[in-house]
C-alpha cells in the first residue's frame, strides 16, 4: 500500500497526466505539501521500480531528465491484493470477499468492475 507521500505524488501525477519531478514538486507545493525536489525524485524512482509509474528520458536544458506518467497500477494492485487474501485466508477468504462484494451498492460494483477491467 502506498505511503502518504507516494499517494500525494500519484495524485499529482494523475492530474498532470505526464510531468518531470520538478513540475510534480511544484504541484505538490500548490496542494500544500512541502517537500524537497530530491525527495520527490526518489519517491518517483521507487514508484517506477514498483511499476506504479512509467517514465521516459527527455533532453532538457541541463542535459536529460525523466518524464513520468501513471501506469495502470490499480488492476495490478487489486490482483496482488486478491493473491494476498488467498495466501492469508485461503478459499474461505475468497468466499467471504465475494459475499462482501455482493453487498455493494450497484454504483460501487460498477466502479469496481471498471477498475478491474471487467
PDB file of N, CA and C in Angstrom:
ATOM      1  N   UNK A   1       0.855  -1.178   0.000  1.00  0.00           N
ATOM      2  CA  UNK A   1       0.000   0.000   0.000  1.00  0.00           C
ATOM      3  C   UNK A   1       0.899   1.239   0.000  1.00  0.00           C
ATOM      4  N   UNK A   2       0.612   2.218  -0.857  1.00  0.00           N
ATOM      5  CA  UNK A   2       1.479   3.391  -0.923  1.00  0.00           C
ATOM      6  C   UNK A   2       1.402   4.223   0.352  1.00  0.00           C
ATOM      7  N   UNK A   3       2.551   4.837   0.686  1.00  0.00           N
ATOM      8  CA  UNK A   3       2.593   5.735   1.836  1.00  0.00           C
ATOM      9  C   UNK A   3       1.951   7.062   1.490  1.00  0.00           C
ATOM     10  N   UNK A   4       1.915   7.961   2.459  1.00  0.00           N
ATOM     11  CA  UNK A   4       1.256   9.249   2.281  1.00  0.00           C
ATOM     12  C   UNK A   4       1.896  10.073   1.161  1.00  0.00           C
ATOM     13  N   UNK A   5       3.228  10.192   1.168  1.00  0.00           N
ATOM     14  CA  UNK A   5       3.894  10.971   0.123  1.00  0.00           C
ATOM     15  C   UNK A   5       3.720  10.300  -1.230  1.00  0.00           C
ATOM     16  N   UNK A   6       3.830   8.979  -1.273  1.00  0.00           N
ATOM     17  CA  UNK A   6       3.612   8.277  -2.539  1.00  0.00           C
ATOM     18  C   UNK A   6       2.211   8.549  -3.065  1.00  0.00           C
ATOM     19  N   UNK A   7       1.226   8.520  -2.191  1.00  0.00           N
ATOM     20  CA  UNK A   7      -0.156   8.801  -2.606  1.00  0.00           C
ATOM     21  C   UNK A   7      -0.288  10.219  -3.136  1.00  0.00           C
ATOM     22  N   UNK A   8       0.345  11.175  -2.470  1.00  0.00           N
ATOM     23  CA  UNK A   8       0.308  12.568  -2.935  1.00  0.00           C
ATOM     24  C   UNK A   8       0.950  12.703  -4.308  1.00  0.00           C
ATOM     25  N   UNK A   9       2.085  12.036  -4.501  1.00  0.00           N
ATOM     26  CA  UNK A   9       2.790  12.102  -5.792  1.00  0.00           C
ATOM     27  C   UNK A   9       1.935  11.460  -6.885  1.00  0.00           C
ATOM     28  N   UNK A  10       1.335  10.318  -6.599  1.00  0.00           N
ATOM     29  CA  UNK A  10       0.477   9.642  -7.585  1.00  0.00           C
ATOM     30  C   UNK A  10      -0.711  10.525  -7.940  1.00  0.00           C
ATOM     31  N   UNK A  11      -1.343  11.123  -6.945  1.00  0.00           N
ATOM     32  CA  UNK A  11      -2.497  12.002  -7.174  1.00  0.00           C
ATOM     33  C   UNK A  11      -2.087  13.183  -8.066  1.00  0.00           C
ATOM     34  N   UNK A  12      -0.956  13.783  -7.755  1.00  0.00           N
ATOM     35  CA  UNK A  12      -0.468  14.903  -8.549  1.00  0.00           C
ATOM     36  C   UNK A  12      -0.200  14.478  -9.989  1.00  0.00           C
ATOM     37  N   UNK A  13       0.462  13.352 -10.141  1.00  0.00           N
ATOM     38  CA  UNK A  13       0.804  12.875 -11.482  1.00  0.00           C
ATOM     39  C   UNK A  13      -0.435  12.519 -12.292  1.00  0.00           C
ATOM     40  N   UNK A  14      -1.432  11.972 -11.647  1.00  0.00           N
ATOM     41  CA  UNK A  14      -2.684  11.676 -12.359  1.00  0.00           C
ATOM     42  C   UNK A  14      -3.312  12.957 -12.902  1.00  0.00           C
ATOM     43  N   UNK A  15      -3.299  14.012 -12.095  1.00  0.00           N
ATOM     44  CA  UNK A  15      -3.879  15.281 -12.541  1.00  0.00           C
ATOM     45  C   UNK A  15      -3.051  15.913 -13.648  1.00  0.00           C
ATOM     46  N   UNK A  16      -1.727  15.785 -13.552  1.00  0.00           N
ATOM     47  CA  UNK A  16      -0.842  16.391 -14.544  1.00  0.00           C
ATOM     48  C   UNK A  16      -0.744  15.553 -15.826  1.00  0.00           C
ATOM     49  N   UNK A  17      -1.076  14.271 -15.738  1.00  0.00           N
ATOM     50  CA  UNK A  17      -1.011  13.304 -16.846  1.00  0.00           C
ATOM     51  C   UNK A  17       0.422  12.852 -17.129  1.00  0.00           C
ATOM     52  N   UNK A  18       1.345  13.786 -17.253  1.00  0.00           N
ATOM     53  CA  UNK A  18       2.752  13.479 -17.524  1.00  0.00           C
ATOM     54  C   UNK A  18       3.570  14.690 -17.084  1.00  0.00           C
ATOM     55  N   UNK A  19       4.680  14.435 -16.357  1.00  0.00           N
ATOM     56  CA  UNK A  19       5.468  15.561 -15.859  1.00  0.00           C
ATOM     57  C   UNK A  19       6.811  15.093 -15.315  1.00  0.00           C
ATOM     58  N   UNK A  20       7.806  15.987 -15.348  1.00  0.00           N
ATOM     59  CA  UNK A  20       9.079  15.694 -14.680  1.00  0.00           C
ATOM     60  C   UNK A  20       8.950  15.936 -13.172  1.00  0.00           C
ATOM     61  N   UNK A  21       9.914  15.482 -12.426  1.00  0.00           N
ATOM     62  CA  UNK A  21       9.886  15.588 -10.961  1.00  0.00           C
ATOM     63  C   UNK A  21       9.720  17.035 -10.493  1.00  0.00           C
ATOM     64  N   UNK A  22      10.375  17.955 -11.137  1.00  0.00           N
ATOM     65  CA  UNK A  22      10.300  19.360 -10.713  1.00  0.00           C
ATOM     66  C   UNK A  22       8.861  19.895 -10.796  1.00  0.00           C
ATOM     67  N   UNK A  23       8.165  19.581 -11.870  1.00  0.00           N
ATOM     68  CA  UNK A  23       6.780  20.030 -12.033  1.00  0.00           C
ATOM     69  C   UNK A  23       5.871  19.377 -10.996  1.00  0.00           C
ATOM     70  N   UNK A  24       6.123  18.105 -10.713  1.00  0.00           N
ATOM     71  CA  UNK A  24       5.331  17.404  -9.697  1.00  0.00           C
ATOM     72  C   UNK A  24       5.562  18.051  -8.334  1.00  0.00           C
ATOM     73  N   UNK A  25       6.822  18.381  -8.012  1.00  0.00           N
ATOM     74  CA  UNK A  25       7.117  19.041  -6.742  1.00  0.00           C
ATOM     75  C   UNK A  25       6.397  20.371  -6.641  1.00  0.00           C
ATOM     76  N   UNK A  26       6.375  21.128  -7.717  1.00  0.00           N
ATOM     77  CA  UNK A  26       5.667  22.413  -7.722  1.00  0.00           C
ATOM     78  C   UNK A  26       4.163  22.206  -7.517  1.00  0.00           C
ATOM     79  N   UNK A  27       3.614  21.193  -8.157  1.00  0.00           N
ATOM     80  CA  UNK A  27       2.192  20.905  -7.987  1.00  0.00           C
ATOM     81  C   UNK A  27       1.892  20.506  -6.541  1.00  0.00           C
ATOM     82  N   UNK A  28       2.757  19.708  -5.957  1.00  0.00           N
ATOM     83  CA  UNK A  28       2.582  19.314  -4.553  1.00  0.00           C
ATOM     84  C   UNK A  28       2.603  20.539  -3.645  1.00  0.00           C
ATOM     85  N   UNK A  29       3.505  21.471  -3.931  1.00  0.00           N
ATOM     86  CA  UNK A  29       3.585  22.685  -3.120  1.00  0.00           C
ATOM     87  C   UNK A  29       2.290  23.486  -3.213  1.00  0.00           C
ATOM     88  N   UNK A  30       1.714  23.559  -4.408  1.00  0.00           N
ATOM     89  CA  UNK A  30       0.424  24.258  -4.588  1.00  0.00           C
ATOM     90  C   UNK A  30      -0.688  23.567  -3.812  1.00  0.00           C
ATOM     91  N   UNK A  31      -0.527  22.268  -3.575  1.00  0.00           N
ATOM     92  CA  UNK A  31      -1.504  21.494  -2.818  1.00  0.00           C
ATOM     93  C   UNK A  31      -1.236  21.554  -1.305  1.00  0.00           C
ATOM     94  N   UNK A  32      -0.183  22.282  -0.942  1.00  0.00           N
ATOM     95  CA  UNK A  32       0.146  22.418   0.474  1.00  0.00           C
ATOM     96  C   UNK A  32       1.100  21.362   1.005  1.00  0.00           C
ATOM     97  N   UNK A  33       1.689  20.579   0.106  1.00  0.00           N
ATOM     98  CA  UNK A  33       2.649  19.548   0.511  1.00  0.00           C
ATOM     99  C   UNK A  33       4.048  20.092   0.240  1.00  0.00           C
ATOM    100  N   UNK A  34       4.757  20.425   1.305  1.00  0.00           N
ATOM    101  CA  UNK A  34       6.107  20.966   1.160  1.00  0.00           C
ATOM    102  C   UNK A  34       7.110  19.818   1.239  1.00  0.00           C
ATOM    103  N   UNK A  35       7.844  19.640   0.154  1.00  0.00           N
ATOM    104  CA  UNK A  35       8.798  18.534   0.077  1.00  0.00           C
ATOM    105  C   UNK A  35       9.929  18.936  -0.862  1.00  0.00           C
ATOM    106  N   UNK A  36      11.120  18.447  -0.587  1.00  0.00           N
ATOM    107  CA  UNK A  36      12.287  18.766  -1.403  1.00  0.00           C
ATOM    108  C   UNK A  36      12.213  18.064  -2.762  1.00  0.00           C
ATOM    109  N   UNK A  37      12.838  18.675  -3.749  1.00  0.00           N
ATOM    110  CA  UNK A  37      12.885  18.091  -5.090  1.00  0.00           C
ATOM    111  C   UNK A  37      13.499  16.690  -5.042  1.00  0.00           C
ATOM    112  N   UNK A  38      14.588  16.537  -4.289  1.00  0.00           N
ATOM    113  CA  UNK A  38      15.261  15.236  -4.235  1.00  0.00           C
ATOM    114  C   UNK A  38      14.347  14.159  -3.636  1.00  0.00           C
ATOM    115  N   UNK A  39      13.506  14.541  -2.708  1.00  0.00           N
ATOM    116  CA  UNK A  39      12.566  13.589  -2.111  1.00  0.00           C
ATOM    117  C   UNK A  39      11.537  13.149  -3.140  1.00  0.00           C
ATOM    118  N   UNK A  40      11.052  14.093  -3.939  1.00  0.00           N
ATOM    119  CA  UNK A  40      10.086  13.754  -4.998  1.00  0.00           C
ATOM    120  C   UNK A  40      10.757  12.844  -6.027  1.00  0.00           C
ATOM    121  N   UNK A  41      11.989  13.171  -6.427  1.00  0.00           N
ATOM    122  CA  UNK A  41      12.701  12.360  -7.411  1.00  0.00           C
ATOM    123  C   UNK A  41      12.925  10.933  -6.891  1.00  0.00           C
ATOM    124  N   UNK A  42      13.294  10.807  -5.628  1.00  0.00           N
ATOM    125  CA  UNK A  42      13.495   9.486  -5.026  1.00  0.00           C
ATOM    126  C   UNK A  42      12.178   8.715  -4.962  1.00  0.00           C
ATOM    127  N   UNK A  43      11.116   9.397  -4.571  1.00  0.00           N
ATOM    128  CA  UNK A  43       9.793   8.760  -4.494  1.00  0.00           C
ATOM    129  C   UNK A  43       9.363   8.271  -5.874  1.00  0.00           C
ATOM    130  N   UNK A  44       9.575   9.081  -6.898  1.00  0.00           N
ATOM    131  CA  UNK A  44       9.220   8.680  -8.258  1.00  0.00           C
ATOM    132  C   UNK A  44      10.035   7.475  -8.713  1.00  0.00           C
ATOM    133  N   UNK A  45      11.310   7.447  -8.365  1.00  0.00           N
ATOM    134  CA  UNK A  45      12.151   6.284  -8.720  1.00  0.00           C
ATOM    135  C   UNK A  45      11.632   5.016  -8.057  1.00  0.00           C
ATOM    136  N   UNK A  46      11.225   5.140  -6.802  1.00  0.00           N
ATOM    137  CA  UNK A  46      10.677   3.969  -6.095  1.00  0.00           C
ATOM    138  C   UNK A  46       9.346   3.531  -6.701  1.00  0.00           C
ATOM    139  N   UNK A  47       8.502   4.499  -7.045  1.00  0.00           N
ATOM    140  CA  UNK A  47       7.224   4.165  -7.677  1.00  0.00           C
ATOM    141  C   UNK A  47       7.446   3.504  -9.033  1.00  0.00           C
ATOM    142  N   UNK A  48       8.474   3.947  -9.744  1.00  0.00           N
ATOM    143  CA  UNK A  48       8.815   3.336 -11.029  1.00  0.00           C
ATOM    144  C   UNK A  48       9.269   1.893 -10.817  1.00  0.00           C
ATOM    145  N   UNK A  49      10.097   1.663  -9.810  1.00  0.00           N
ATOM    146  CA  UNK A  49      10.571   0.305  -9.512  1.00  0.00           C
ATOM    147  C   UNK A  49       9.409  -0.617  -9.138  1.00  0.00           C
ATOM    148  N   UNK A  50       8.377  -0.061  -8.523  1.00  0.00           N
ATOM    149  CA  UNK A  50       7.189  -0.838  -8.140  1.00  0.00           C
ATOM    150  C   UNK A  50       6.225  -1.023  -9.309  1.00  0.00           C
ATOM    151  N   UNK A  51       6.467  -0.339 -10.429  1.00  0.00           N
ATOM    152  CA  UNK A  51       5.584  -0.439 -11.581  1.00  0.00           C
ATOM    153  C   UNK A  51       4.365   0.452 -11.511  1.00  0.00           C
ATOM    154  N   UNK A  52       4.374   1.411 -10.583  1.00  0.00           N
ATOM    155  CA  UNK A  52       3.222   2.297 -10.401  1.00  0.00           C
ATOM    156  C   UNK A  52       3.251   3.455 -11.394  1.00  0.00           C
ATOM    157  N   UNK A  53       4.455   3.890 -11.779  1.00  0.00           N
ATOM    158  CA  UNK A  53       4.590   4.946 -12.781  1.00  0.00           C
ATOM    159  C   UNK A  53       5.534   4.469 -13.876  1.00  0.00           C
ATOM    160  N   UNK A  54       5.363   5.037 -15.040  1.00  0.00           N
ATOM    161  CA  UNK A  54       6.265   4.780 -16.169  1.00  0.00           C
ATOM    162  C   UNK A  54       7.060   6.052 -16.408  1.00  0.00           C
ATOM    163  N   UNK A  55       8.181   5.933 -17.086  1.00  0.00           N
ATOM    164  CA  UNK A  55       8.988   7.118 -17.364  1.00  0.00           C
ATOM    165  C   UNK A  55       9.685   6.989 -18.711  1.00  0.00           C
ATOM    166  N   UNK A  56      10.034   8.146 -19.226  1.00  0.00           N
ATOM    167  CA  UNK A  56      10.826   8.204 -20.458  1.00  0.00           C
ATOM    168  C   UNK A  56      11.867   9.288 -20.286  1.00  0.00           C
ATOM    169  N   UNK A  57      12.965   9.170 -20.984  1.00  0.00           N
ATOM    170  CA  UNK A  57      14.014  10.195 -20.928  1.00  0.00           C
ATOM    171  C   UNK A  57      13.677  11.317 -21.896  1.00  0.00           C
ATOM    172  N   UNK A  58      14.063  12.503 -21.491  1.00  0.00           N
ATOM    173  CA  UNK A  58      13.814  13.685 -22.314  1.00  0.00           C
ATOM    174  C   UNK A  58      15.033  14.592 -22.209  1.00  0.00           C
ATOM    175  N   UNK A  59      15.448  15.138 -23.330  1.00  0.00           N
ATOM    176  CA  UNK A  59      16.541  16.101 -23.319  1.00  0.00           C
ATOM    177  C   UNK A  59      16.007  17.427 -22.826  1.00  0.00           C
ATOM    178  N   UNK A  60      16.759  18.050 -21.932  1.00  0.00           N
ATOM    179  CA  UNK A  60      16.356  19.357 -21.413  1.00  0.00           C
ATOM    180  C   UNK A  60      17.585  20.257 -21.355  1.00  0.00           C
ATOM    181  N   UNK A  61      17.390  21.461 -20.890  1.00  0.00           N
ATOM    182  CA  UNK A  61      18.452  22.456 -20.862  1.00  0.00           C
ATOM    183  C   UNK A  61      19.683  21.972 -20.094  1.00  0.00           C
ATOM    184  N   UNK A  62      19.484  21.258 -19.003  1.00  0.00           N
ATOM    185  CA  UNK A  62      20.603  20.801 -18.181  1.00  0.00           C
ATOM    186  C   UNK A  62      21.153  19.446 -18.572  1.00  0.00           C
ATOM    187  N   UNK A  63      20.615  18.829 -19.593  1.00  0.00           N
ATOM    188  CA  UNK A  63      21.059  17.507 -20.015  1.00  0.00           C
ATOM    189  C   UNK A  63      19.877  16.616 -20.312  1.00  0.00           C
ATOM    190  N   UNK A  64      19.610  15.677 -19.421  1.00  0.00           N
ATOM    191  CA  UNK A  64      18.465  14.779 -19.573  1.00  0.00           C
ATOM    192  C   UNK A  64      17.703  14.688 -18.269  1.00  0.00           C
ATOM    193  N   UNK A  65      16.442  14.343 -18.393  1.00  0.00           N
ATOM    194  CA  UNK A  65      15.603  14.131 -17.209  1.00  0.00           C
ATOM    195  C   UNK A  65      14.566  13.076 -17.551  1.00  0.00           C
ATOM    196  N   UNK A  66      13.940  12.553 -16.509  1.00  0.00           N
ATOM    197  CA  UNK A  66      12.832  11.626 -16.706  1.00  0.00           C
ATOM    198  C   UNK A  66      11.526  12.398 -16.673  1.00  0.00           C
ATOM    199  N   UNK A  67      10.609  11.982 -17.530  1.00  0.00           N
ATOM    200  CA  UNK A  67       9.247  12.498 -17.520  1.00  0.00           C
ATOM    201  C   UNK A  67       8.374  11.298 -17.160  1.00  0.00           C
ATOM    202  N   UNK A  68       7.564  11.461 -16.122  1.00  0.00           N
ATOM    203  CA  UNK A  68       6.779  10.372 -15.562  1.00  0.00           C
ATOM    204  C   UNK A  68       5.319  10.465 -15.978  1.00  0.00           C
ATOM    205  N   UNK A  69       4.662   9.306 -16.010  1.00  0.00           N
ATOM    206  CA  UNK A  69       3.225   9.228 -16.244  1.00  0.00           C
ATOM    207  C   UNK A  69       2.696   8.048 -15.429  1.00  0.00           C
ATOM    208  N   UNK A  70       1.438   8.089 -15.048  1.00  0.00           N
ATOM    209  CA  UNK A  70       0.889   6.982 -14.258  1.00  0.00           C
ATOM    210  C   UNK A  70       0.815   5.703 -15.082  1.00  0.00           C
ATOM    211  N   UNK A  71       1.091   4.601 -14.448  1.00  0.00           N
ATOM    212  CA  UNK A  71       0.887   3.292 -15.071  1.00  0.00           C
ATOM    213  C   UNK A  71      -0.493   2.805 -14.644  1.00  0.00           C
ATOM    214  N   UNK A  72      -0.996   1.826 -15.326  1.00  0.00           N
ATOM    215  CA  UNK A  72      -2.282   1.246 -14.925  1.00  0.00           C
ATOM    216  C   UNK A  72      -2.006   0.303 -13.763  1.00  0.00           C
ATOM    217  N   UNK A  73      -1.746   0.885 -12.604  1.00  0.00           N
ATOM    218  CA  UNK A  73      -1.336   0.090 -11.452  1.00  0.00           C
ATOM    219  C   UNK A  73      -2.521  -0.421 -10.637  1.00  0.00           C
ATOM    220  N   UNK A  74      -3.689   0.178 -10.800  1.00  0.00           N
ATOM    221  CA  UNK A  74      -4.814  -0.232  -9.968  1.00  0.00           C
ATOM    222  C   UNK A  74      -5.158  -1.701 -10.173  1.00  0.00           C
ATOM    223  N   UNK A  75      -5.183  -2.129 -11.400  1.00  0.00           N
ATOM    224  CA  UNK A  75      -5.502  -3.539 -11.674  1.00  0.00           C
ATOM    225  C   UNK A  75      -4.439  -4.437 -11.062  1.00  0.00           C
ATOM    226  N   UNK A  76      -3.171  -4.095 -11.255  1.00  0.00           N
ATOM    227  CA  UNK A  76      -2.082  -4.891 -10.698  1.00  0.00           C
ATOM    228  C   UNK A  76      -2.167  -4.921  -9.176  1.00  0.00           C
ATOM    229  N   UNK A  77      -2.489  -3.787  -8.580  1.00  0.00           N
ATOM    230  CA  UNK A  77      -2.615  -3.706  -7.130  1.00  0.00           C
ATOM    231  C   UNK A  77      -3.751  -4.611  -6.640  1.00  0.00           C
ATOM    232  N   UNK A  78      -4.886  -4.566  -7.323  1.00  0.00           N
ATOM    233  CA  UNK A  78      -6.024  -5.386  -6.914  1.00  0.00           C
ATOM    234  C   UNK A  78      -5.732  -6.876  -7.075  1.00  0.00           C
ATOM    235  N   UNK A  79      -5.036  -7.247  -8.132  1.00  0.00           N
ATOM    236  CA  UNK A  79      -4.674  -8.655  -8.326  1.00  0.00           C
ATOM    237  C   UNK A  79      -3.754  -9.113  -7.194  1.00  0.00           C
ATOM    238  N   UNK A  80      -2.773  -8.276  -6.846  1.00  0.00           N
ATOM    239  CA  UNK A  80      -1.879  -8.619  -5.743  1.00  0.00           C
ATOM    240  C   UNK A  80      -2.629  -8.684  -4.421  1.00  0.00           C
ATOM    241  N   UNK A  81      -3.583  -7.804  -4.249  1.00  0.00           N
ATOM    242  CA  UNK A  81      -4.398  -7.813  -3.036  1.00  0.00           C
ATOM    243  C   UNK A  81      -5.201  -9.113  -2.941  1.00  0.00           C
ATOM    244  N   UNK A  82      -5.791  -9.530  -4.051  1.00  0.00           N
ATOM    245  CA  UNK A  82      -6.544 -10.791  -4.064  1.00  0.00           C
ATOM    246  C   UNK A  82      -5.631 -11.983  -3.784  1.00  0.00           C
ATOM    247  N   UNK A  83      -4.424 -11.958  -4.326  1.00  0.00           N
ATOM    248  CA  UNK A  83      -3.469 -13.031  -4.035  1.00  0.00           C
ATOM    249  C   UNK A  83      -3.155 -13.053  -2.540  1.00  0.00           C
ATOM    250  N   UNK A  84      -3.048 -11.864  -1.943  1.00  0.00           N
ATOM    251  CA  UNK A  84      -2.801 -11.778  -0.507  1.00  0.00           C
ATOM    252  C   UNK A  84      -3.946 -12.362   0.298  1.00  0.00           C
ATOM    253  N   UNK A  85      -5.176 -12.132  -0.147  1.00  0.00           N
ATOM    254  CA  UNK A  85      -6.355 -12.705   0.528  1.00  0.00           C
ATOM    255  C   UNK A  85      -6.276 -14.224   0.484  1.00  0.00           C
ATOM    256  N   UNK A  86      -5.940 -14.767  -0.668  1.00  0.00           N
ATOM    257  CA  UNK A  86      -5.836 -16.219  -0.808  1.00  0.00           C
ATOM    258  C   UNK A  86      -4.711 -16.756   0.071  1.00  0.00           C
ATOM    259  N   UNK A  87      -3.554 -16.085   0.057  1.00  0.00           N
ATOM    260  CA  UNK A  87      -2.422 -16.541   0.863  1.00  0.00           C
ATOM    261  C   UNK A  87      -2.733 -16.506   2.361  1.00  0.00           C
ATOM    262  N   UNK A  88      -3.433 -15.460   2.801  1.00  0.00           N
ATOM    263  CA  UNK A  88      -3.694 -15.288   4.230  1.00  0.00           C
ATOM    264  C   UNK A  88      -4.883 -16.103   4.728  1.00  0.00           C
ATOM    265  N   UNK A  89      -5.945 -16.164   3.932  1.00  0.00           N
ATOM    266  CA  UNK A  89      -7.195 -16.738   4.419  1.00  0.00           C
ATOM    267  C   UNK A  89      -7.650 -17.987   3.669  1.00  0.00           C
ATOM    268  N   UNK A  90      -6.983 -18.304   2.583  1.00  0.00           N
ATOM    269  CA  UNK A  90      -7.372 -19.482   1.811  1.00  0.00           C
ATOM    270  C   UNK A  90      -8.695 -19.275   1.099  1.00  0.00           C
ATOM    271  N   UNK A  91      -9.284 -20.356   0.630  1.00  0.00           N
ATOM    272  CA  UNK A  91     -10.544 -20.271  -0.111  1.00  0.00           C
ATOM    273  C   UNK A  91     -11.670 -19.598   0.668  1.00  0.00           C
ATOM    274  N   UNK A  92     -11.702 -19.777   2.001  1.00  0.00           N
ATOM    275  CA  UNK A  92     -12.764 -19.156   2.802  1.00  0.00           C
ATOM    276  C   UNK A  92     -12.687 -17.629   2.708  1.00  0.00           C
ATOM    277  N   UNK A  93     -11.479 -17.087   2.612  1.00  0.00           N
ATOM    278  CA  UNK A  93     -11.314 -15.637   2.475  1.00  0.00           C
ATOM    279  C   UNK A  93     -11.884 -15.133   1.164  1.00  0.00           C
ATOM    280  N   UNK A  94     -11.696 -15.907   0.110  1.00  0.00           N
ATOM    281  CA  UNK A  94     -12.233 -15.521  -1.200  1.00  0.00           C
ATOM    282  C   UNK A  94     -13.760 -15.569  -1.175  1.00  0.00           C
ATOM    283  N   UNK A  95     -14.320 -16.594  -0.532  1.00  0.00           N
ATOM    284  CA  UNK A  95     -15.774 -16.699  -0.418  1.00  0.00           C
ATOM    285  C   UNK A  95     -16.321 -15.494   0.343  1.00  0.00           C
ATOM    286  N   UNK A  96     -15.668 -15.151   1.462  1.00  0.00           N
ATOM    287  CA  UNK A  96     -16.121 -14.001   2.257  1.00  0.00           C
ATOM    288  C   UNK A  96     -16.017 -12.708   1.445  1.00  0.00           C
ATOM    289  N   UNK A  97     -14.905 -12.528   0.737  1.00  0.00           N
ATOM    290  CA  UNK A  97     -14.735 -11.331  -0.092  1.00  0.00           C
ATOM    291  C   UNK A  97     -15.842 -11.257  -1.138  1.00  0.00           C
ATOM    292  N   UNK A  98     -16.149 -12.366  -1.754  1.00  0.00           N
ATOM    293  CA  UNK A  98     -17.222 -12.401  -2.750  1.00  0.00           C
ATOM    294  C   UNK A  98     -18.560 -12.016  -2.129  1.00  0.00           C
ATOM    295  N   UNK A  99     -18.823 -12.508  -0.927  1.00  0.00           N
ATOM    296  CA  UNK A  99     -20.071 -12.154  -0.240  1.00  0.00           C
ATOM    297  C   UNK A  99     -20.139 -10.652   0.034  1.00  0.00           C
ATOM    298  N   UNK A 100     -19.014 -10.071   0.412  1.00  0.00           N
ATOM    299  CA  UNK A 100     -18.973  -8.628   0.675  1.00  0.00           C
ATOM    300  C   UNK A 100     -19.174  -7.829  -0.608  1.00  0.00           C
ATOM    301  N   UNK A 101     -18.607  -8.307  -1.691  1.00  0.00           N
ATOM    302  CA  UNK A 101     -18.778  -7.625  -2.979  1.00  0.00           C
ATOM    303  C   UNK A 101     -20.240  -7.647  -3.396  1.00  0.00           C
ATOM    304  N   UNK A 102     -20.922  -8.749  -3.112  1.00  0.00           N
ATOM    305  CA  UNK A 102     -22.346  -8.849  -3.449  1.00  0.00           C
ATOM    306  C   UNK A 102     -23.195  -7.846  -2.676  1.00  0.00           C
ATOM    307  N   UNK A 103     -22.713  -7.361  -1.548  1.00  0.00           N
ATOM    308  CA  UNK A 103     -23.442  -6.393  -0.730  1.00  0.00           C
ATOM    309  C   UNK A 103     -23.245  -4.947  -1.219  1.00  0.00           C
ATOM    310  N   UNK A 104     -22.328  -4.744  -2.179  1.00  0.00           N
ATOM    311  CA  UNK A 104     -22.049  -3.392  -2.666  1.00  0.00           C
ATOM    312  C   UNK A 104     -23.273  -2.779  -3.334  1.00  0.00           C
ATOM    313  N   UNK A 105     -23.361  -1.471  -3.239  1.00  0.00           N
ATOM    314  CA  UNK A 105     -24.367  -0.707  -3.983  1.00  0.00           C
ATOM    315  C   UNK A 105     -24.049  -0.893  -5.471  1.00  0.00           C
ATOM    316  N   UNK A 106     -25.055  -0.943  -6.349  1.00  0.00           N
ATOM    317  CA  UNK A 106     -24.788  -1.158  -7.780  1.00  0.00           C
ATOM    318  C   UNK A 106     -23.753  -0.192  -8.370  1.00  0.00           C
ATOM    319  N   UNK A 107     -23.781   1.058  -7.953  1.00  0.00           N
ATOM    320  CA  UNK A 107     -22.796   2.026  -8.479  1.00  0.00           C
ATOM    321  C   UNK A 107     -21.390   1.671  -8.013  1.00  0.00           C
ATOM    322  N   UNK A 108     -21.262   1.212  -6.768  1.00  0.00           N
ATOM    323  CA  UNK A 108     -19.945   0.807  -6.253  1.00  0.00           C
ATOM    324  C   UNK A 108     -19.445  -0.430  -6.997  1.00  0.00           C
ATOM    325  N   UNK A 109     -20.348  -1.346  -7.287  1.00  0.00           N
ATOM    326  CA  UNK A 109     -19.968  -2.553  -8.023  1.00  0.00           C
ATOM    327  C   UNK A 109     -19.522  -2.209  -9.447  1.00  0.00           C
ATOM    328  N   UNK A 110     -20.239  -1.308 -10.095  1.00  0.00           N
ATOM    329  CA  UNK A 110     -19.848  -0.886 -11.450  1.00  0.00           C
ATOM    330  C   UNK A 110     -18.461  -0.261 -11.439  1.00  0.00           C
ATOM    331  N   UNK A 111     -18.198   0.595 -10.447  1.00  0.00           N
ATOM    332  CA  UNK A 111     -16.888   1.247 -10.352  1.00  0.00           C
ATOM    333  C   UNK A 111     -15.787   0.211 -10.121  1.00  0.00           C
ATOM    334  N   UNK A 112     -16.045  -0.760  -9.266  1.00  0.00           N
ATOM    335  CA  UNK A 112     -15.069  -1.816  -9.020  1.00  0.00           C
ATOM    336  C   UNK A 112     -14.823  -2.617 -10.291  1.00  0.00           C
ATOM    337  N   UNK A 113     -15.888  -2.973 -10.992  1.00  0.00           N
ATOM    338  CA  UNK A 113     -15.721  -3.720 -12.251  1.00  0.00           C
ATOM    339  C   UNK A 113     -14.949  -2.900 -13.288  1.00  0.00           C
ATOM    340  N   UNK A 114     -15.221  -1.586 -13.341  1.00  0.00           N
ATOM    341  CA  UNK A 114     -14.490  -0.723 -14.273  1.00  0.00           C
ATOM    342  C   UNK A 114     -12.999  -0.745 -13.952  1.00  0.00           C
ATOM    343  N   UNK A 115     -12.665  -0.634 -12.675  1.00  0.00           N
ATOM    344  CA  UNK A 115     -11.253  -0.615 -12.267  1.00  0.00           C
ATOM    345  C   UNK A 115     -10.577  -1.957 -12.539  1.00  0.00           C
ATOM    346  N   UNK A 116     -11.349  -3.038 -12.473  1.00  0.00           N
ATOM    347  CA  UNK A 116     -10.798  -4.359 -12.744  1.00  0.00           C
ATOM    348  C   UNK A 116     -10.745  -4.676 -14.239  1.00  0.00           C
ATOM    349  N   UNK A 117     -11.338  -3.791 -15.034  1.00  0.00           N
ATOM    350  CA  UNK A 117     -11.350  -4.008 -16.479  1.00  0.00           C
ATOM    351  C   UNK A 117     -12.343  -5.071 -16.904  1.00  0.00           C
ATOM    352  N   UNK A 118     -13.401  -5.235 -16.106  1.00  0.00           N
ATOM    353  CA  UNK A 118     -14.406  -6.266 -16.419  1.00  0.00           C
ATOM    354  C   UNK A 118     -15.621  -5.672 -17.102  1.00  0.00           C
TER     355      UNK A 118
END
